[in-house]
C-alpha atoms as a PDB file:
ATOM      1  CA  MET A   1       0.000   0.000   0.000  1.00  0.00           C
ATOM      2  CA  SER A   2       1.480   3.378  -1.021  1.00  0.00           C
ATOM      3  CA  GLY A   3       1.918   6.264   1.409  1.00  0.00           C
ATOM      4  CA  ALA A   4      -0.944   8.185  -0.194  1.00  0.00           C
ATOM      5  CA  ALA A   5      -3.191   5.120   0.040  1.00  0.00           C
ATOM      6  CA  ARG A   6      -2.387   4.772   3.743  1.00  0.00           C
ATOM      7  CA  ILE A   7      -3.353   8.383   4.351  1.00  0.00           C
ATOM      8  CA  GLU A   8      -6.646   7.782   2.522  1.00  0.00           C
ATOM      9  CA  ALA A   9      -7.286   4.635   4.594  1.00  0.00           C
ATOM     10  CA  PHE A  10      -6.607   6.597   7.790  1.00  0.00           C
ATOM     11  CA  LEU A  11      -8.974   9.411   6.771  1.00  0.00           C
ATOM     12  CA  GLU A  12     -11.678   6.888   5.895  1.00  0.00           C
ATOM     13  CA  MET A  13     -11.326   5.303   9.340  1.00  0.00           C
ATOM     14  CA  MET A  14     -11.536   8.695  11.069  1.00  0.00           C
ATOM     15  CA  GLY A  15     -14.663   9.585   9.135  1.00  0.00           C
ATOM     16  CA  VAL A  16     -16.488   6.268   9.450  1.00  0.00           C
ATOM     17  CA  GLU A  17     -15.419   4.991  12.862  1.00  0.00           C
ATOM     18  CA  ARG A  18     -14.682   8.214  14.739  1.00  0.00           C
ATOM     19  CA  GLY A  19     -17.325  10.408  13.106  1.00  0.00           C
ATOM     20  CA  ALA A  20     -14.817  13.153  12.252  1.00  0.00           C
ATOM     21  CA  SER A  21     -16.350  16.132  10.444  1.00  0.00           C
ATOM     22  CA  ASP A  22     -15.396  17.181   6.915  1.00  0.00           C
ATOM     23  CA  ASN A  23     -13.449  20.138   8.326  1.00  0.00           C
ATOM     24  CA  THR A  24     -11.526  17.864  10.703  1.00  0.00           C
ATOM     25  CA  LEU A  25     -10.704  15.427   7.919  1.00  0.00           C
ATOM     26  CA  ALA A  26      -9.542  18.253   5.668  1.00  0.00           C
ATOM     27  CA  GLY A  27      -7.249  19.459   8.458  1.00  0.00           C
ATOM     28  CA  TYR A  28      -5.778  15.969   8.939  1.00  0.00           C
ATOM     29  CA  ARG A  29      -5.201  15.705   5.199  1.00  0.00           C
ATOM     30  CA  ARG A  30      -3.353  19.040   5.033  1.00  0.00           C
ATOM     31  CA  ASP A  31      -1.166  18.199   8.016  1.00  0.00           C
ATOM     32  CA  LEU A  32      -0.283  14.696   6.816  1.00  0.00           C
ATOM     33  CA  GLU A  33       0.405  15.779   3.253  1.00  0.00           C
ATOM     34  CA  ASP A  34       2.612  18.617   4.530  1.00  0.00           C
ATOM     35  CA  ALA A  35       4.603  16.133   6.636  1.00  0.00           C
ATOM     36  CA  SER A  36       4.767  13.643   3.775  1.00  0.00           C
ATOM     37  CA  GLU A  37       6.393  16.208   1.487  1.00  0.00           C
ATOM     38  CA  ALA A  38       9.113  16.770   4.099  1.00  0.00           C
ATOM     39  CA  MET A  39       9.903  13.069   4.638  1.00  0.00           C
ATOM     40  CA  LYS A  40      12.426  11.840   2.070  1.00  0.00           C
ATOM     41  CA  GLY A  41      11.655   8.184   2.682  1.00  0.00           C
ATOM     42  CA  GLY A  42       7.911   8.687   2.787  1.00  0.00           C
ATOM     43  CA  LEU A  43       5.629   9.428   5.711  1.00  0.00           C
ATOM     44  CA  ALA A  44       4.665   5.817   6.408  1.00  0.00           C
ATOM     45  CA  ASN A  45       8.319   4.770   6.836  1.00  0.00           C
ATOM     46  CA  ALA A  46       9.607   7.819   8.731  1.00  0.00           C
ATOM     47  CA  GLY A  47      11.579   7.332  11.936  1.00  0.00           C
ATOM     48  CA  THR A  48      11.476   9.261  15.191  1.00  0.00           C
ATOM     49  CA  ASN A  49      14.502  11.435  14.352  1.00  0.00           C
ATOM     50  CA  GLU A  50      13.093  12.360  10.946  1.00  0.00           C
ATOM     51  CA  ILE A  51       9.761  13.325  12.481  1.00  0.00           C
ATOM     52  CA  ARG A  52      11.544  15.306  15.220  1.00  0.00           C
ATOM     53  CA  ALA A  53      13.504  17.207  12.564  1.00  0.00           C
ATOM     54  CA  TYR A  54      10.289  17.957  10.671  1.00  0.00           C
ATOM     55  CA  LEU A  55       8.603  19.262  13.812  1.00  0.00           C
ATOM     56  CA  GLY A  56      11.687  21.354  14.579  1.00  0.00           C
ATOM     57  CA  SER A  57      11.457  22.975  11.151  1.00  0.00           C
ATOM     58  CA  LEU A  58       7.907  24.173  11.754  1.00  0.00           C
ATOM     59  CA  ALA A  59       8.928  27.007  14.074  1.00  0.00           C
ATOM     60  CA  SER A  60      11.352  28.387  11.454  1.00  0.00           C
ATOM     61  CA  ARG A  61       8.493  28.269   8.949  1.00  0.00           C
ATOM     62  CA  GLY A  62       6.433  30.507  11.220  1.00  0.00           C
ATOM     63  CA  PHE A  63       4.066  27.964  12.746  1.00  0.00           C
ATOM     64  CA  ALA A  64       2.873  28.768  16.273  1.00  0.00           C
ATOM     65  CA  ALA A  65       3.266  26.224  19.084  1.00  0.00           C
ATOM     66  CA  SER A  66      -0.454  25.434  18.849  1.00  0.00           C
ATOM     67  CA  SER A  67      -0.112  24.600  15.133  1.00  0.00           C
ATOM     68  CA  GLN A  68       2.962  22.471  15.818  1.00  0.00           C
ATOM     69  CA  ALA A  69       1.052  20.555  18.485  1.00  0.00           C
ATOM     70  CA  ARG A  70      -1.872  20.037  16.104  1.00  0.00           C
ATOM     71  CA  LYS A  71       0.411  18.620  13.425  1.00  0.00           C
ATOM     72  CA  LEU A  72       2.056  16.276  15.936  1.00  0.00           C
ATOM     73  CA  SER A  73      -1.390  15.148  17.073  1.00  0.00           C
ATOM     74  CA  ALA A  74      -2.306  14.293  13.473  1.00  0.00           C
ATOM     75  CA  LEU A  75       0.906  12.283  13.113  1.00  0.00           C
ATOM     76  CA  ARG A  76       0.276  10.436  16.391  1.00  0.00           C
ATOM     77  CA  GLN A  77      -3.208   9.444  15.228  1.00  0.00           C
ATOM     78  CA  PHE A  78      -1.854   8.344  11.852  1.00  0.00           C
ATOM     79  CA  TYR A  79       0.904   6.127  13.253  1.00  0.00           C
ATOM     80  CA  LYS A  80      -1.406   4.617  15.866  1.00  0.00           C
ATOM     81  CA  PHE A  81      -3.680   3.643  12.989  1.00  0.00           C
ATOM     82  CA  LEU A  82      -0.790   2.068  11.047  1.00  0.00           C
ATOM     83  CA  TYR A  83       0.291   0.130  14.138  1.00  0.00           C
ATOM     84  CA  ALA A  84      -3.259  -1.084  14.882  1.00  0.00           C
ATOM     85  CA  GLU A  85      -3.673  -2.233  11.278  1.00  0.00           C
ATOM     86  CA  ASN A  86      -0.308  -4.084  11.302  1.00  0.00           C
ATOM     87  CA  LEU A  87       0.965  -1.731   8.620  1.00  0.00           C
ATOM     88  CA  ARG A  88       3.847  -0.721  10.847  1.00  0.00           C
ATOM     89  CA  ALA A  89       5.612  -2.466  13.731  1.00  0.00           C
ATOM     90  CA  ASP A  90       6.116   0.622  15.902  1.00  0.00           C
ATOM     91  CA  ASP A  91       4.869   4.128  16.658  1.00  0.00           C
ATOM     92  CA  PRO A  92       7.712   6.588  15.952  1.00  0.00           C
ATOM     93  CA  THR A  93       5.901   9.468  17.697  1.00  0.00           C
ATOM     94  CA  GLY A  94       5.968   7.724  21.089  1.00  0.00           C
ATOM     95  CA  PRO A  95       9.219   9.356  22.340  1.00  0.00           C
ATOM     96  CA  LEU A  96       8.264  12.827  21.100  1.00  0.00           C
ATOM     97  CA  ASP A  97       7.122  15.580  23.463  1.00  0.00           C
ATOM     98  CA  SER A  98       4.376  17.981  22.498  1.00  0.00           C
ATOM     99  CA  PRO A  99       5.395  21.630  22.002  1.00  0.00           C
ATOM    100  CA  LYS A 100       4.617  23.745  25.048  1.00  0.00           C
ATOM    101  CA  ARG A 101       1.588  25.914  24.430  1.00  0.00           C
ATOM    102  CA  ASP A 102       0.418  28.977  26.259  1.00  0.00           C
ATOM    103  CA  ARG A 103      -3.193  28.588  27.321  1.00  0.00           C
ATOM    104  CA  SER A 104      -4.534  32.004  26.430  1.00  0.00           C
ATOM    105  CA  LEU A 105      -7.731  33.060  28.118  1.00  0.00           C
ATOM    106  CA  PRO A 106     -10.728  33.126  25.789  1.00  0.00           C
ATOM    107  CA  LYS A 107     -12.173  36.471  24.791  1.00  0.00           C
ATOM    108  CA  THR A 108     -15.508  37.046  26.428  1.00  0.00           C
ATOM    109  CA  MET A 109     -18.077  39.739  27.204  1.00  0.00           C
ATOM    110  CA  SER A 110     -19.346  41.070  30.503  1.00  0.00           C
ATOM    111  CA  GLU A 111     -22.906  40.347  31.564  1.00  0.00           C
ATOM    112  CA  SER A 112     -23.836  43.998  31.009  1.00  0.00           C
ATOM    113  CA  GLU A 113     -22.408  43.993  27.473  1.00  0.00           C
ATOM    114  CA  THR A 114     -24.209  40.764  26.654  1.00  0.00           C
ATOM    115  CA  GLY A 115     -27.423  42.262  28.025  1.00  0.00           C
ATOM    116  CA  ARG A 116     -27.012  45.326  25.799  1.00  0.00           C
ATOM    117  CA  LEU A 117     -26.460  43.116  22.762  1.00  0.00           C
ATOM    118  CA  LEU A 118     -29.562  41.009  23.459  1.00  0.00           C
ATOM    119  CA  ASN A 119     -31.683  44.069  24.253  1.00  0.00           C
ATOM    120  CA  ARG A 120     -30.678  45.713  20.981  1.00  0.00           C
ATOM    121  CA  ALA A 121     -31.600  42.560  19.052  1.00  0.00           C
ATOM    122  CA  ALA A 122     -34.991  42.456  20.815  1.00  0.00           C
ATOM    123  CA  VAL A 123     -35.707  46.125  20.057  1.00  0.00           C
ATOM    124  CA  GLU A 124     -34.832  45.736  16.382  1.00  0.00           C
ATOM    125  CA  ALA A 125     -37.042  42.637  16.119  1.00  0.00           C
ATOM    126  CA  GLU A 126     -40.023  44.689  17.342  1.00  0.00           C
ATOM    127  CA  GLN A 127     -39.505  47.751  15.154  1.00  0.00           C
ATOM    128  CA  GLN A 128     -41.656  48.168  12.075  1.00  0.00           C
ATOM    129  CA  GLU A 129     -38.886  49.624   9.936  1.00  0.00           C
ATOM    130  CA  GLY A 130     -35.857  48.207   8.176  1.00  0.00           C
ATOM    131  CA  ASP A 131     -35.383  44.507   7.436  1.00  0.00           C
ATOM    132  CA  LEU A 132     -37.725  43.053  10.046  1.00  0.00           C
ATOM    133  CA  PHE A 133     -37.219  39.527   8.689  1.00  0.00           C
ATOM    134  CA  ALA A 134     -33.454  39.670   9.268  1.00  0.00           C
ATOM    135  CA  ALA A 135     -33.951  41.344  12.649  1.00  0.00           C
ATOM    136  CA  LYS A 136     -36.209  38.558  13.930  1.00  0.00           C
ATOM    137  CA  ARG A 137     -33.743  35.956  12.699  1.00  0.00           C
ATOM    138  CA  MET A 138     -30.839  37.728  14.428  1.00  0.00           C
ATOM    139  CA  HIS A 139     -32.818  38.014  17.654  1.00  0.00           C
ATOM    140  CA  ALA A 140     -33.500  34.266  17.627  1.00  0.00           C
ATOM    141  CA  LEU A 141     -29.874  33.471  16.793  1.00  0.00           C
ATOM    142  CA  VAL A 142     -28.307  35.495  19.614  1.00  0.00           C
ATOM    143  CA  GLU A 143     -30.874  34.440  22.227  1.00  0.00           C
ATOM    144  CA  VAL A 144     -30.433  30.754  21.398  1.00  0.00           C
ATOM    145  CA  LEU A 145     -26.640  31.067  21.267  1.00  0.00           C
ATOM    146  CA  TYR A 146     -26.406  32.762  24.662  1.00  0.00           C
ATOM    147  CA  ALA A 147     -28.948  30.387  26.209  1.00  0.00           C
ATOM    148  CA  THR A 148     -27.231  27.214  24.997  1.00  0.00           C
ATOM    149  CA  GLY A 149     -23.544  27.940  24.322  1.00  0.00           C
ATOM    150  CA  LEU A 150     -23.760  26.071  21.004  1.00  0.00           C
ATOM    151  CA  ARG A 151     -20.893  26.051  18.549  1.00  0.00           C
ATOM    152  CA  VAL A 152     -21.754  28.353  15.645  1.00  0.00           C
ATOM    153  CA  SER A 153     -21.872  25.404  13.228  1.00  0.00           C
ATOM    154  CA  GLU A 154     -24.368  23.660  15.534  1.00  0.00           C
ATOM    155  CA  LEU A 155     -26.474  26.812  15.830  1.00  0.00           C
ATOM    156  CA  VAL A 156     -26.904  27.708  12.166  1.00  0.00           C
ATOM    157  CA  SER A 157     -27.689  24.085  11.200  1.00  0.00           C
ATOM    158  CA  LEU A 158     -30.374  23.493  13.849  1.00  0.00           C
ATOM    159  CA  PRO A 159     -33.402  21.561  12.535  1.00  0.00           C
ATOM    160  CA  VAL A 160     -36.719  23.372  12.538  1.00  0.00           C
ATOM    161  CA  THR A 161     -38.150  20.678  14.840  1.00  0.00           C
ATOM    162  CA  VAL A 162     -36.328  22.359  17.736  1.00  0.00           C
ATOM    163  CA  ALA A 163     -38.670  25.348  17.444  1.00  0.00           C
ATOM    164  CA  LEU A 164     -41.747  23.297  16.568  1.00  0.00           C
ATOM    165  CA  ARG A 165     -41.488  21.299  19.812  1.00  0.00           C
ATOM    166  CA  ASP A 166     -41.098  24.472  21.914  1.00  0.00           C
ATOM    167  CA  ASP A 167     -39.471  22.505  24.753  1.00  0.00           C
ATOM    168  CA  ARG A 168     -37.273  23.812  27.557  1.00  0.00           C
ATOM    169  CA  PHE A 169     -34.498  21.456  26.404  1.00  0.00           C
ATOM    170  CA  PHE A 170     -33.400  19.960  23.111  1.00  0.00           C
ATOM    171  CA  VAL A 171     -30.753  17.519  21.937  1.00  0.00           C
ATOM    172  CA  VAL A 172     -27.988  18.708  19.626  1.00  0.00           C
ATOM    173  CA  ARG A 173     -25.566  16.543  17.676  1.00  0.00           C
ATOM    174  CA  GLY A 174     -22.052  17.968  18.029  1.00  0.00           C
ATOM    175  CA  LYS A 175     -18.441  17.006  17.320  1.00  0.00           C
ATOM    176  CA  GLY A 176     -17.810  13.333  16.735  1.00  0.00           C
ATOM    177  CA  ASN A 177     -21.541  12.880  16.105  1.00  0.00           C
ATOM    178  CA  LYS A 178     -22.078  12.955  19.895  1.00  0.00           C
ATOM    179  CA  GLU A 179     -25.416  14.092  21.284  1.00  0.00           C
ATOM    180  CA  ARG A 180     -25.906  16.335  24.297  1.00  0.00           C
ATOM    181  CA  MET A 181     -28.869  18.070  25.907  1.00  0.00           C
ATOM    182  CA  VAL A 182     -28.919  21.878  26.164  1.00  0.00           C
ATOM    183  CA  PRO A 183     -31.441  24.215  27.841  1.00  0.00           C
ATOM    184  CA  LEU A 184     -33.528  26.969  26.298  1.00  0.00           C
ATOM    185  CA  SER A 185     -34.414  30.077  28.303  1.00  0.00           C
ATOM    186  CA  PRO A 186     -37.948  31.511  28.108  1.00  0.00           C
ATOM    187  CA  LYS A 187     -36.584  34.494  26.149  1.00  0.00           C
ATOM    188  CA  ALA A 188     -34.867  32.205  23.664  1.00  0.00           C
ATOM    189  CA  ARG A 189     -38.054  30.158  23.161  1.00  0.00           C
ATOM    190  CA  GLU A 190     -40.087  33.320  22.607  1.00  0.00           C
ATOM    191  CA  ALA A 191     -37.544  34.676  20.095  1.00  0.00           C
ATOM    192  CA  MET A 192     -37.620  31.345  18.246  1.00  0.00           C
ATOM    193  CA  ARG A 193     -41.426  31.376  18.113  1.00  0.00           C
ATOM    194  CA  ASN A 194     -41.427  34.891  16.664  1.00  0.00           C
ATOM    195  CA  TRP A 195     -38.785  33.938  14.114  1.00  0.00           C
ATOM    196  CA  LEU A 196     -40.642  30.749  13.180  1.00  0.00           C
ATOM    197  CA  ALA A 197     -43.795  32.760  12.441  1.00  0.00           C
ATOM    198  CA  ALA A 198     -41.839  35.142  10.174  1.00  0.00           C
ATOM    199  CA  ARG A 199     -39.989  32.254   8.524  1.00  0.00           C
ATOM    200  CA  ASN A 200     -43.179  30.365   7.745  1.00  0.00           C
ATOM    201  CA  GLU A 201     -44.668  33.358   5.936  1.00  0.00           C
ATOM    202  CA  ASN A 202     -42.103  32.720   3.213  1.00  0.00           C
ATOM    203  CA  GLU A 203     -43.337  29.671   1.260  1.00  0.00           C
ATOM    204  CA  ALA A 204     -39.887  28.683   0.025  1.00  0.00           C
ATOM    205  CA  LEU A 205     -38.298  28.854   3.478  1.00  0.00           C
ATOM    206  CA  ALA A 206     -41.250  27.221   5.229  1.00  0.00           C
ATOM    207  CA  LYS A 207     -40.459  23.907   3.507  1.00  0.00           C
ATOM    208  CA  SER A 208     -36.840  23.839   4.698  1.00  0.00           C
ATOM    209  CA  PRO A 209     -35.838  21.265   7.348  1.00  0.00           C
ATOM    210  CA  TYR A 210     -33.570  23.898   8.933  1.00  0.00           C
ATOM    211  CA  LEU A 211     -34.566  26.512  11.498  1.00  0.00           C
ATOM    212  CA  PHE A 212     -32.386  29.137   9.795  1.00  0.00           C
ATOM    213  CA  PRO A 213     -32.703  28.256   6.089  1.00  0.00           C
ATOM    214  CA  SER A 214     -30.725  29.874   3.321  1.00  0.00           C
ATOM    215  CA  GLY A 215     -30.120  29.604  -0.387  1.00  0.00           C
ATOM    216  CA  SER A 216     -26.548  28.473   0.304  1.00  0.00           C
ATOM    217  CA  GLU A 217     -25.186  25.122  -0.812  1.00  0.00           C
ATOM    218  CA  SER A 218     -25.681  23.677   2.673  1.00  0.00           C
ATOM    219  CA  GLY A 219     -29.295  24.852   2.834  1.00  0.00           C
ATOM    220  CA  TYR A 220     -28.820  26.796   6.073  1.00  0.00           C
ATOM    221  CA  LEU A 221     -27.426  30.187   7.069  1.00  0.00           C
ATOM    222  CA  PRO A 222     -23.638  30.315   6.490  1.00  0.00           C
ATOM    223  CA  ARG A 223     -21.796  30.933   9.749  1.00  0.00           C
ATOM    224  CA  GLN A 224     -19.760  33.679   8.072  1.00  0.00           C
ATOM    225  CA  VAL A 225     -22.970  35.602   7.335  1.00  0.00           C
ATOM    226  CA  PHE A 226     -24.099  35.263  10.945  1.00  0.00           C
ATOM    227  CA  ALA A 227     -20.686  36.394  12.221  1.00  0.00           C
ATOM    228  CA  ARG A 228     -20.764  39.453   9.937  1.00  0.00           C
ATOM    229  CA  ASP A 229     -24.311  40.420  10.936  1.00  0.00           C
ATOM    230  CA  LEU A 230     -23.500  39.895  14.617  1.00  0.00           C
ATOM    231  CA  LYS A 231     -20.696  42.447  14.402  1.00  0.00           C
ATOM    232  CA  GLY A 232     -23.165  44.899  12.868  1.00  0.00           C
ATOM    233  CA  LEU A 233     -25.582  44.321  15.751  1.00  0.00           C
ATOM    234  CA  ALA A 234     -22.770  44.861  18.259  1.00  0.00           C
ATOM    235  CA  ALA A 235     -21.826  48.183  16.665  1.00  0.00           C
ATOM    236  CA  ARG A 236     -25.451  49.348  16.849  1.00  0.00           C
ATOM    237  CA  ALA A 237     -25.503  48.333  20.529  1.00  0.00           C
ATOM    238  CA  GLY A 238     -22.464  50.521  21.202  1.00  0.00           C
ATOM    239  CA  ILE A 239     -20.063  47.585  21.597  1.00  0.00           C
ATOM    240  CA  SER A 240     -16.809  47.301  19.664  1.00  0.00           C
ATOM    241  CA  ALA A 241     -17.427  44.988  16.699  1.00  0.00           C
ATOM    242  CA  ALA A 242     -13.889  43.620  17.070  1.00  0.00           C
ATOM    243  CA  LYS A 243     -14.838  42.325  20.512  1.00  0.00           C
ATOM    244  CA  VAL A 244     -17.831  40.276  19.388  1.00  0.00           C
ATOM    245  CA  SER A 245     -18.135  36.996  17.499  1.00  0.00           C
ATOM    246  CA  PRO A 246     -20.279  33.854  17.802  1.00  0.00           C
ATOM    247  CA  HIS A 247     -17.385  32.147  19.609  1.00  0.00           C
ATOM    248  CA  VAL A 248     -17.119  35.032  22.088  1.00  0.00           C
ATOM    249  CA  LEU A 249     -20.820  34.632  22.918  1.00  0.00           C
ATOM    250  CA  ARG A 250     -20.239  30.914  23.507  1.00  0.00           C
ATOM    251  CA  HIS A 251     -17.448  31.824  25.937  1.00  0.00           C
ATOM    252  CA  ALA A 252     -19.719  34.386  27.606  1.00  0.00           C
ATOM    253  CA  PHE A 253     -22.315  31.654  28.152  1.00  0.00           C
ATOM    254  CA  ALA A 254     -19.722  29.484  29.947  1.00  0.00           C
ATOM    255  CA  SER A 255     -18.086  32.283  31.920  1.00  0.00           C
ATOM    256  CA  HIS A 256     -21.364  33.749  33.167  1.00  0.00           C
ATOM    257  CA  LEU A 257     -22.596  30.321  34.270  1.00  0.00           C
ATOM    258  CA  LEU A 258     -19.434  29.766  36.311  1.00  0.00           C
ATOM    259  CA  GLN A 259     -19.522  33.275  37.753  1.00  0.00           C
ATOM    260  CA  ASN A 260     -23.008  32.566  39.029  1.00  0.00           C
ATOM    261  CA  GLY A 261     -22.216  29.260  40.702  1.00  0.00           C
ATOM    262  CA  ALA A 262     -22.354  26.574  37.997  1.00  0.00           C
ATOM    263  CA  ASP A 263     -20.183  23.474  38.323  1.00  0.00           C
ATOM    264  CA  LEU A 264     -17.272  23.048  35.888  1.00  0.00           C
ATOM    265  CA  ARG A 265     -18.399  19.519  34.981  1.00  0.00           C
ATOM    266  CA  ALA A 266     -21.881  20.783  34.129  1.00  0.00           C
ATOM    267  CA  VAL A 267     -20.412  23.480  31.886  1.00  0.00           C
ATOM    268  CA  GLN A 268     -18.239  20.846  30.206  1.00  0.00           C
ATOM    269  CA  GLN A 269     -21.345  18.823  29.341  1.00  0.00           C
ATOM    270  CA  LEU A 270     -23.257  21.864  28.101  1.00  0.00           C
ATOM    271  CA  LEU A 271     -20.374  22.971  25.863  1.00  0.00           C
ATOM    272  CA  GLY A 272     -19.892  19.459  24.495  1.00  0.00           C
ATOM    273  CA  HIS A 273     -16.224  19.233  25.492  1.00  0.00           C
ATOM    274  CA  ALA A 274     -15.033  15.636  25.359  1.00  0.00           C
ATOM    275  CA  ASP A 275     -12.284  16.327  27.905  1.00  0.00           C
ATOM    276  CA  ILE A 276     -12.519  18.407  31.093  1.00  0.00           C
ATOM    277  CA  SER A 277      -9.046  19.816  30.316  1.00  0.00           C
ATOM    278  CA  THR A 278     -10.609  21.825  27.482  1.00  0.00           C
ATOM    279  CA  THR A 279     -13.107  23.388  29.882  1.00  0.00           C
ATOM    280  CA  GLN A 280     -10.368  24.200  32.381  1.00  0.00           C
ATOM    281  CA  ILE A 281      -9.485  27.348  30.446  1.00  0.00           C
ATOM    282  CA  TYR A 282     -12.307  28.819  32.557  1.00  0.00           C
ATOM    283  CA  THR A 283     -10.659  28.037  35.898  1.00  0.00           C
ATOM    284  CA  HIS A 284      -9.709  31.715  36.224  1.00  0.00           C
ATOM    285  CA  VAL A 285     -13.439  32.425  36.553  1.00  0.00           C
ATOM    286  CA  LEU A 286     -13.700  29.889  39.386  1.00  0.00           C
ATOM    287  CA  GLN A 287     -10.672  31.422  41.106  1.00  0.00           C
ATOM    288  CA  GLU A 288     -12.215  34.894  40.924  1.00  0.00           C
ATOM    289  CA  ARG A 289     -15.471  33.517  42.337  1.00  0.00           C
ATOM    290  CA  LEU A 290     -13.615  31.811  45.191  1.00  0.00           C
ATOM    291  CA  VAL A 291     -11.790  35.019  46.122  1.00  0.00           C
ATOM    292  CA  ARG A 292     -15.084  36.932  46.080  1.00  0.00           C
ATOM    293  CA  LEU A 293     -16.741  34.258  48.205  1.00  0.00           C
ATOM    294  CA  VAL A 294     -14.009  34.450  50.855  1.00  0.00           C
ATOM    295  CA  ASN A 295     -13.950  38.245  50.860  1.00  0.00           C
ATOM    296  CA  ASP A 296     -17.729  38.455  51.197  1.00  0.00           C
ATOM    297  CA  HIS A 297     -18.328  35.737  53.782  1.00  0.00           C
ATOM    298  CA  HIS A 298     -15.171  34.879  55.763  1.00  0.00           C
ATOM    299  CA  PRO A 299     -15.302  36.363  59.287  1.00  0.00           C
ATOM    300  CA  LEU A 300     -11.673  37.532  59.042  1.00  0.00           C
ATOM    301  CA  ALA A 301     -12.049  39.208  55.675  1.00  0.00           C
ATOM    302  CA  ASP A 302     -11.455  42.957  55.514  1.00  0.00           C
ATOM    303  CA  PRO A 303     -14.720  44.887  55.945  1.00  0.00           C
ATOM    304  CA  PRO A 304     -15.813  46.948  52.933  1.00  0.00           C
ATOM    305  CA  SER A 305     -14.420  50.468  52.972  1.00  0.00           C
END
């Protein structure tokens, strides 16, 4: 089996058995093909020293530590597959250490800023001027996003049945084809009902299986369009557009839950993180809450000035 054929076999396994998304598979393909071009003897036959030299060259090519770690992760997965399929007798990535990465804190918004954003969306959805159709859709999008913490790809591709059921919870299928249950606030349910009524007035859109249909190739609202329109909403709410994105709202959902007493494990489940280590980027929020708790309630804490 040629090196290219082994990469294809690996990608097929990741898609079929692991449920990897098209974007994930495309990323694996890019990383493996990039490594393959650098290996003189071929990727499938590369040794530990050759792989170490390749990884060492990435920094000089301008790749950040996070990108280096991602490429090493792709190689680890690939060689584990070859070993499991008896296509190779060893795993050459075993002795290699992952590049050290700085865990940067996620950008987020304060509760007051988030409130201003949601209030602006609600006001625009009630006005009788401008593009009322787009305003109702935006109101539903931001309310649902802040109520659930969905990934933007999960949000824009929601089935219309979520709104038709009008339940306090619904099940979403996320990364790796895994399902999780997320809550809907009363405001989010009301915004969805109002959007559904506007959506169903359009005969073409009413037949779509998606809650946020579009004429795009996928059949639902492109996430880039939502991200662009969200920045416009932020600017109209008096918030810097550079500070706002769908991902920032997802982080706000998690941070505000933790600030108000939620458990880290519960937030992990709501966000759909497979590993608690991913959710631990929010531990700074827990530390701030702990300090506040001690300062407010410990008998030896300094009295307020």
